[in-house]
Amino acid sequence: HPDNDAAAWRAVTPKQVRTVTEQLEEALALFEPVMVQVTRRIANEKLSKARRELEAALASEDTTAGWRALKEARACGYSQTAKDHDIEAATAREIAALEQKLVLATAT
């Protein structure tokens, strides 16, 4: 009933609000490392997929698909100069090498 809900909210004390806020902050602190891990894993999976697409595009000499895959890799956090700890360094190096091949393939 709406009147009961309003009365219940009016009965909440500032101390109760602080307690709930503290509990929420503690719960979020527990979840944050997990969310960072999940985000990192998803980024790496997407980056690996973009790397495979870039490899396939180079193998089939399809530079348009290659640039599209490189764009996808960049959307996942790849950059030749980035020191991003969220993406695997080995994957970033592989993509950098493939990017060089793509530039050369496009130039010829």
C-alpha atoms as a PDB file:
ATOM      1  CA  HIS A   1       0.000   0.000   0.000  1.00  0.00           C
ATOM      2  CA  PRO A   2       1.512   3.409  -0.989  1.00  0.00           C
ATOM      3  CA  ASP A   3       0.718   5.094   2.343  1.00  0.00           C
ATOM      4  CA  ASN A   4       2.482   2.324   4.243  1.00  0.00           C
ATOM      5  CA  ASP A   5       5.520   2.623   1.937  1.00  0.00           C
ATOM      6  CA  ALA A   6       5.703   6.378   2.503  1.00  0.00           C
ATOM      7  CA  ALA A   7       5.404   5.941   6.267  1.00  0.00           C
ATOM      8  CA  ALA A   8       8.141   3.303   6.209  1.00  0.00           C
ATOM      9  CA  TRP A   9      10.487   5.604   4.272  1.00  0.00           C
ATOM     10  CA  ARG A  10       9.800   8.488   6.695  1.00  0.00           C
ATOM     11  CA  ALA A  11      10.743   6.164   9.564  1.00  0.00           C
ATOM     12  CA  VAL A  12      14.228   5.492   8.139  1.00  0.00           C
ATOM     13  CA  THR A  13      16.905   7.191  10.212  1.00  0.00           C
ATOM     14  CA  PRO A  14      20.110   8.777   8.872  1.00  0.00           C
ATOM     15  CA  LYS A  15      22.061   6.099  10.784  1.00  0.00           C
ATOM     16  CA  GLN A  16      20.175   3.359   8.910  1.00  0.00           C
ATOM     17  CA  VAL A  17      20.931   5.070   5.611  1.00  0.00           C
ATOM     18  CA  ARG A  18      24.645   5.262   6.518  1.00  0.00           C
ATOM     19  CA  THR A  19      24.657   1.581   7.528  1.00  0.00           C
ATOM     20  CA  VAL A  20      23.060   0.501   4.251  1.00  0.00           C
ATOM     21  CA  THR A  21      25.438   2.754   2.295  1.00  0.00           C
ATOM     22  CA  GLU A  22      28.438   1.218   4.053  1.00  0.00           C
ATOM     23  CA  GLN A  23      27.148  -2.288   3.350  1.00  0.00           C
ATOM     24  CA  LEU A  24      26.680  -1.457  -0.326  1.00  0.00           C
ATOM     25  CA  GLU A  25      30.196  -0.002  -0.549  1.00  0.00           C
ATOM     26  CA  GLU A  26      31.625  -3.150   1.060  1.00  0.00           C
ATOM     27  CA  ALA A  27      29.693  -5.365  -1.353  1.00  0.00           C
ATOM     28  CA  LEU A  28      30.880  -3.325  -4.348  1.00  0.00           C
ATOM     29  CA  ALA A  29      34.471  -3.527  -3.116  1.00  0.00           C
ATOM     30  CA  LEU A  30      34.172  -7.319  -3.135  1.00  0.00           C
ATOM     31  CA  PHE A  31      32.810  -7.381  -6.684  1.00  0.00           C
ATOM     32  CA  GLU A  32      35.212  -4.850  -8.203  1.00  0.00           C
ATOM     33  CA  PRO A  33      38.211  -7.217  -8.645  1.00  0.00           C
ATOM     34  CA  VAL A  34      35.908  -9.843 -10.175  1.00  0.00           C
ATOM     35  CA  MET A  35      34.440  -7.294 -12.605  1.00  0.00           C
ATOM     36  CA  VAL A  36      37.940  -6.128 -13.582  1.00  0.00           C
ATOM     37  CA  GLN A  37      38.919  -9.752 -14.277  1.00  0.00           C
ATOM     38  CA  VAL A  38      35.790 -10.402 -16.324  1.00  0.00           C
ATOM     39  CA  THR A  39      36.264  -7.181 -18.312  1.00  0.00           C
ATOM     40  CA  ARG A  40      39.905  -8.082 -18.998  1.00  0.00           C
ATOM     41  CA  ARG A  41      38.976 -11.602 -20.125  1.00  0.00           C
ATOM     42  CA  ILE A  42      36.263 -10.338 -22.472  1.00  0.00           C
ATOM     43  CA  ALA A  43      38.614  -7.722 -23.960  1.00  0.00           C
ATOM     44  CA  ASN A  44      41.276 -10.377 -24.549  1.00  0.00           C
ATOM     45  CA  GLU A  45      38.774 -12.765 -26.152  1.00  0.00           C
ATOM     46  CA  LYS A  46      37.540 -10.028 -28.496  1.00  0.00           C
ATOM     47  CA  LEU A  47      41.109  -9.030 -29.274  1.00  0.00           C
ATOM     48  CA  SER A  48      42.053 -12.619 -30.083  1.00  0.00           C
ATOM     49  CA  LYS A  49      39.044 -12.849 -32.406  1.00  0.00           C
ATOM     50  CA  ALA A  50      40.097  -9.617 -34.146  1.00  0.00           C
ATOM     51  CA  ARG A  51      43.651 -11.016 -34.500  1.00  0.00           C
ATOM     52  CA  ARG A  52      42.312 -14.192 -36.134  1.00  0.00           C
ATOM     53  CA  GLU A  53      40.165 -12.118 -38.498  1.00  0.00           C
ATOM     54  CA  LEU A  54      43.180  -9.975 -39.388  1.00  0.00           C
ATOM     55  CA  GLU A  55      45.260 -13.090 -40.070  1.00  0.00           C
ATOM     56  CA  ALA A  56      42.504 -14.530 -42.277  1.00  0.00           C
ATOM     57  CA  ALA A  57      42.143 -11.241 -44.167  1.00  0.00           C
ATOM     58  CA  LEU A  58      45.879 -11.119 -44.859  1.00  0.00           C
ATOM     59  CA  ALA A  59      45.899 -14.759 -45.937  1.00  0.00           C
ATOM     60  CA  SER A  60      43.102 -14.073 -48.423  1.00  0.00           C
ATOM     61  CA  GLU A  61      44.670 -10.745 -49.450  1.00  0.00           C
ATOM     62  CA  ASP A  62      41.493  -8.905 -48.447  1.00  0.00           C
ATOM     63  CA  THR A  63      42.854  -5.590 -47.160  1.00  0.00           C
ATOM     64  CA  THR A  64      39.356  -4.158 -46.599  1.00  0.00           C
ATOM     65  CA  ALA A  65      38.569  -6.984 -44.177  1.00  0.00           C
ATOM     66  CA  GLY A  66      42.036  -6.491 -42.685  1.00  0.00           C
ATOM     67  CA  TRP A  67      41.403  -2.841 -41.885  1.00  0.00           C
ATOM     68  CA  ARG A  68      37.987  -3.754 -40.474  1.00  0.00           C
ATOM     69  CA  ALA A  69      39.628  -6.351 -38.185  1.00  0.00           C
ATOM     70  CA  LEU A  70      42.281  -3.841 -37.142  1.00  0.00           C
ATOM     71  CA  LYS A  71      39.544  -1.320 -36.314  1.00  0.00           C
ATOM     72  CA  GLU A  72      37.883  -3.991 -34.167  1.00  0.00           C
ATOM     73  CA  ALA A  73      41.196  -4.685 -32.418  1.00  0.00           C
ATOM     74  CA  ARG A  74      41.563  -0.995 -31.656  1.00  0.00           C
ATOM     75  CA  ALA A  75      38.016  -0.924 -30.275  1.00  0.00           C
ATOM     76  CA  CYS A  76      39.123  -3.709 -27.906  1.00  0.00           C
ATOM     77  CA  GLY A  77      42.005  -1.635 -26.582  1.00  0.00           C
ATOM     78  CA  TYR A  78      44.819  -2.484 -28.992  1.00  0.00           C
ATOM     79  CA  SER A  79      47.344   0.202 -29.860  1.00  0.00           C
ATOM     80  CA  GLN A  80      50.954  -0.183 -30.986  1.00  0.00           C
ATOM     81  CA  THR A  81      52.092   2.249 -28.305  1.00  0.00           C
ATOM     82  CA  ALA A  82      49.664   1.428 -25.490  1.00  0.00           C
ATOM     83  CA  LYS A  83      51.017  -0.089 -22.328  1.00  0.00           C
ATOM     84  CA  ASP A  84      47.587  -1.411 -21.432  1.00  0.00           C
ATOM     85  CA  HIS A  85      47.625  -4.045 -18.721  1.00  0.00           C
ATOM     86  CA  ASP A  86      44.121  -5.137 -19.683  1.00  0.00           C
ATOM     87  CA  ILE A  87      45.295  -6.772 -22.893  1.00  0.00           C
ATOM     88  CA  GLU A  88      47.855  -9.525 -23.249  1.00  0.00           C
ATOM     89  CA  ALA A  89      51.217  -8.220 -24.418  1.00  0.00           C
ATOM     90  CA  ALA A  90      51.793 -11.215 -26.713  1.00  0.00           C
ATOM     91  CA  THR A  91      48.502 -10.626 -28.511  1.00  0.00           C
ATOM     92  CA  ALA A  92      49.299  -6.927 -28.879  1.00  0.00           C
ATOM     93  CA  ARG A  93      52.716  -7.775 -30.390  1.00  0.00           C
ATOM     94  CA  GLU A  94      51.124 -10.246 -32.813  1.00  0.00           C
ATOM     95  CA  ILE A  95      48.596  -7.654 -33.927  1.00  0.00           C
ATOM     96  CA  ALA A  96      51.342  -5.036 -34.325  1.00  0.00           C
ATOM     97  CA  ALA A  97      53.212  -7.394 -36.672  1.00  0.00           C
ATOM     98  CA  LEU A  98      50.007  -8.096 -38.603  1.00  0.00           C
ATOM     99  CA  GLU A  99      49.313  -4.365 -38.812  1.00  0.00           C
ATOM    100  CA  GLN A 100      52.705  -3.840 -40.452  1.00  0.00           C
ATOM    101  CA  LYS A 101      51.885  -6.576 -42.994  1.00  0.00           C
ATOM    102  CA  LEU A 102      48.503  -4.956 -43.645  1.00  0.00           C
ATOM    103  CA  VAL A 103      50.119  -1.563 -44.257  1.00  0.00           C
ATOM    104  CA  LEU A 104      52.559  -3.168 -46.702  1.00  0.00           C
ATOM    105  CA  ALA A 105      49.797  -5.169 -48.417  1.00  0.00           C
ATOM    106  CA  THR A 106      47.706  -2.024 -48.814  1.00  0.00           C
ATOM    107  CA  ALA A 107      50.636  -0.030 -50.212  1.00  0.00           C
ATOM    108  CA  THR A 108      51.359  -2.558 -52.968  1.00  0.00           C
END
